[in-house]
Amino acid sequence: MIASIIFQVVQFYIWLIIAYVLMSWFPISGVFLEIHRVLSSIVEPYLNIFRRIIPPMGALDISPIVAILVLQVLTQIIAQVLRF
């Protein structure tokens, strides 16, 4: 049960990262700008950890990909530990 809750929370956070990244590709205004600001305040602290390790390569920032992979690996490890 705990593993299921952790999995759901992590999946939701991954979708927030994806939404944030997709929104960053397009010019935004109005209500979408506010949504982007909220997503930024939620997602940026986590992504910045990886940006310090993996700097952007020109216009390409792969830190969200690495961040999502780390979340998925940690979720699998936690699931294995909780299942004993």
C-alpha atoms as a PDB file:
ATOM      1  CA  MET A   1       0.000   0.000   0.000  1.00  0.00           C
ATOM      2  CA  ILE A   2       2.759   2.484   0.896  1.00  0.00           C
ATOM      3  CA  ALA A   3       4.639   1.531  -2.272  1.00  0.00           C
ATOM      4  CA  SER A   4       1.506   2.230  -4.294  1.00  0.00           C
ATOM      5  CA  ILE A   5       1.104   5.694  -2.778  1.00  0.00           C
ATOM      6  CA  ILE A   6       4.764   6.506  -3.392  1.00  0.00           C
ATOM      7  CA  PHE A   7       4.443   5.287  -6.963  1.00  0.00           C
ATOM      8  CA  GLN A   8       1.367   7.484  -7.577  1.00  0.00           C
ATOM      9  CA  VAL A   9       3.027  10.587  -6.109  1.00  0.00           C
ATOM     10  CA  VAL A  10       6.182  10.044  -8.164  1.00  0.00           C
ATOM     11  CA  GLN A  11       4.151   9.477 -11.334  1.00  0.00           C
ATOM     12  CA  PHE A  12       2.256  12.709 -10.708  1.00  0.00           C
ATOM     13  CA  TYR A  13       5.532  14.589 -10.195  1.00  0.00           C
ATOM     14  CA  ILE A  14       6.915  13.128 -13.423  1.00  0.00           C
ATOM     15  CA  TRP A  15       3.857  14.442 -15.268  1.00  0.00           C
ATOM     16  CA  LEU A  16       4.455  17.863 -13.711  1.00  0.00           C
ATOM     17  CA  ILE A  17       8.028  17.805 -15.042  1.00  0.00           C
ATOM     18  CA  ILE A  18       6.807  16.816 -18.503  1.00  0.00           C
ATOM     19  CA  ALA A  19       4.162  19.571 -18.521  1.00  0.00           C
ATOM     20  CA  TYR A  20       6.753  22.115 -17.402  1.00  0.00           C
ATOM     21  CA  VAL A  21       9.201  21.091 -20.117  1.00  0.00           C
ATOM     22  CA  LEU A  22       6.528  21.142 -22.833  1.00  0.00           C
ATOM     23  CA  MET A  23       5.339  24.573 -21.738  1.00  0.00           C
ATOM     24  CA  SER A  24       8.890  25.894 -21.914  1.00  0.00           C
ATOM     25  CA  TRP A  25       9.012  25.141 -25.654  1.00  0.00           C
ATOM     26  CA  PHE A  26       6.259  27.636 -26.540  1.00  0.00           C
ATOM     27  CA  PRO A  27       5.598  31.301 -25.828  1.00  0.00           C
ATOM     28  CA  ILE A  28       2.978  31.537 -23.091  1.00  0.00           C
ATOM     29  CA  SER A  29       0.827  34.287 -21.663  1.00  0.00           C
ATOM     30  CA  GLY A  30      -2.268  34.812 -19.581  1.00  0.00           C
ATOM     31  CA  VAL A  31      -3.413  31.959 -17.392  1.00  0.00           C
ATOM     32  CA  PHE A  32      -0.780  29.650 -18.884  1.00  0.00           C
ATOM     33  CA  LEU A  33       1.930  31.968 -17.592  1.00  0.00           C
ATOM     34  CA  GLU A  34       0.580  31.530 -14.054  1.00  0.00           C
ATOM     35  CA  ILE A  35       0.433  27.751 -14.502  1.00  0.00           C
ATOM     36  CA  HIS A  36       4.038  27.824 -15.736  1.00  0.00           C
ATOM     37  CA  ARG A  37       5.106  29.852 -12.683  1.00  0.00           C
ATOM     38  CA  VAL A  38       3.451  27.374 -10.327  1.00  0.00           C
ATOM     39  CA  LEU A  39       5.041  24.441 -12.132  1.00  0.00           C
ATOM     40  CA  SER A  40       8.371  26.239 -12.035  1.00  0.00           C
ATOM     41  CA  SER A  41       8.200  26.664  -8.278  1.00  0.00           C
ATOM     42  CA  ILE A  42       7.451  22.948  -7.882  1.00  0.00           C
ATOM     43  CA  VAL A  43       9.805  21.450 -10.467  1.00  0.00           C
ATOM     44  CA  GLU A  44      12.812  23.785 -10.704  1.00  0.00           C
ATOM     45  CA  PRO A  45      14.345  22.984  -7.285  1.00  0.00           C
ATOM     46  CA  TYR A  46      14.562  19.309  -8.251  1.00  0.00           C
ATOM     47  CA  LEU A  47      15.772  19.982 -11.804  1.00  0.00           C
ATOM     48  CA  ASN A  48      18.444  22.387 -10.578  1.00  0.00           C
ATOM     49  CA  ILE A  49      20.135  19.507  -8.763  1.00  0.00           C
ATOM     50  CA  PHE A  50      20.743  17.857 -12.120  1.00  0.00           C
ATOM     51  CA  ARG A  51      21.560  21.090 -13.954  1.00  0.00           C
ATOM     52  CA  ARG A  52      24.510  21.582 -11.611  1.00  0.00           C
ATOM     53  CA  ILE A  53      25.810  18.157 -12.613  1.00  0.00           C
ATOM     54  CA  ILE A  54      24.768  18.176 -16.293  1.00  0.00           C
ATOM     55  CA  PRO A  55      24.943  21.664 -17.797  1.00  0.00           C
ATOM     56  CA  PRO A  56      22.752  22.406 -20.852  1.00  0.00           C
ATOM     57  CA  MET A  57      24.387  21.566 -24.176  1.00  0.00           C
ATOM     58  CA  GLY A  58      23.576  24.647 -26.236  1.00  0.00           C
ATOM     59  CA  ALA A  59      19.805  24.794 -26.520  1.00  0.00           C
ATOM     60  CA  LEU A  60      19.414  21.194 -25.344  1.00  0.00           C
ATOM     61  CA  ASP A  61      18.801  20.577 -21.646  1.00  0.00           C
ATOM     62  CA  ILE A  62      18.760  16.870 -20.808  1.00  0.00           C
ATOM     63  CA  SER A  63      18.444  17.382 -17.059  1.00  0.00           C
ATOM     64  CA  PRO A  64      14.668  16.672 -17.079  1.00  0.00           C
ATOM     65  CA  ILE A  65      15.310  13.311 -18.741  1.00  0.00           C
ATOM     66  CA  VAL A  66      17.924  12.379 -16.159  1.00  0.00           C
ATOM     67  CA  ALA A  67      15.694  13.666 -13.343  1.00  0.00           C
ATOM     68  CA  ILE A  68      12.788  11.494 -14.511  1.00  0.00           C
ATOM     69  CA  LEU A  69      15.029   8.441 -14.856  1.00  0.00           C
ATOM     70  CA  VAL A  70      16.352   8.940 -11.316  1.00  0.00           C
ATOM     71  CA  LEU A  71      12.794   9.207  -9.971  1.00  0.00           C
ATOM     72  CA  GLN A  72      11.823   5.995 -11.728  1.00  0.00           C
ATOM     73  CA  VAL A  73      14.865   4.120 -10.445  1.00  0.00           C
ATOM     74  CA  LEU A  74      14.294   5.341  -6.887  1.00  0.00           C
ATOM     75  CA  THR A  75      10.640   4.314  -7.123  1.00  0.00           C
ATOM     76  CA  GLN A  76      11.665   0.809  -8.162  1.00  0.00           C
ATOM     77  CA  ILE A  77      14.207   0.557  -5.357  1.00  0.00           C
ATOM     78  CA  ILE A  78      11.679   1.733  -2.765  1.00  0.00           C
ATOM     79  CA  ALA A  79       9.103  -0.714  -4.110  1.00  0.00           C
ATOM     80  CA  GLN A  80      11.576  -3.581  -3.781  1.00  0.00           C
ATOM     81  CA  VAL A  81      12.556  -2.601  -0.246  1.00  0.00           C
ATOM     82  CA  LEU A  82       8.949  -2.266   0.916  1.00  0.00           C
ATOM     83  CA  ARG A  83       8.044  -5.650  -0.546  1.00  0.00           C
ATOM     84  CA  PHE A  84      10.974  -7.251   1.271  1.00  0.00           C
END
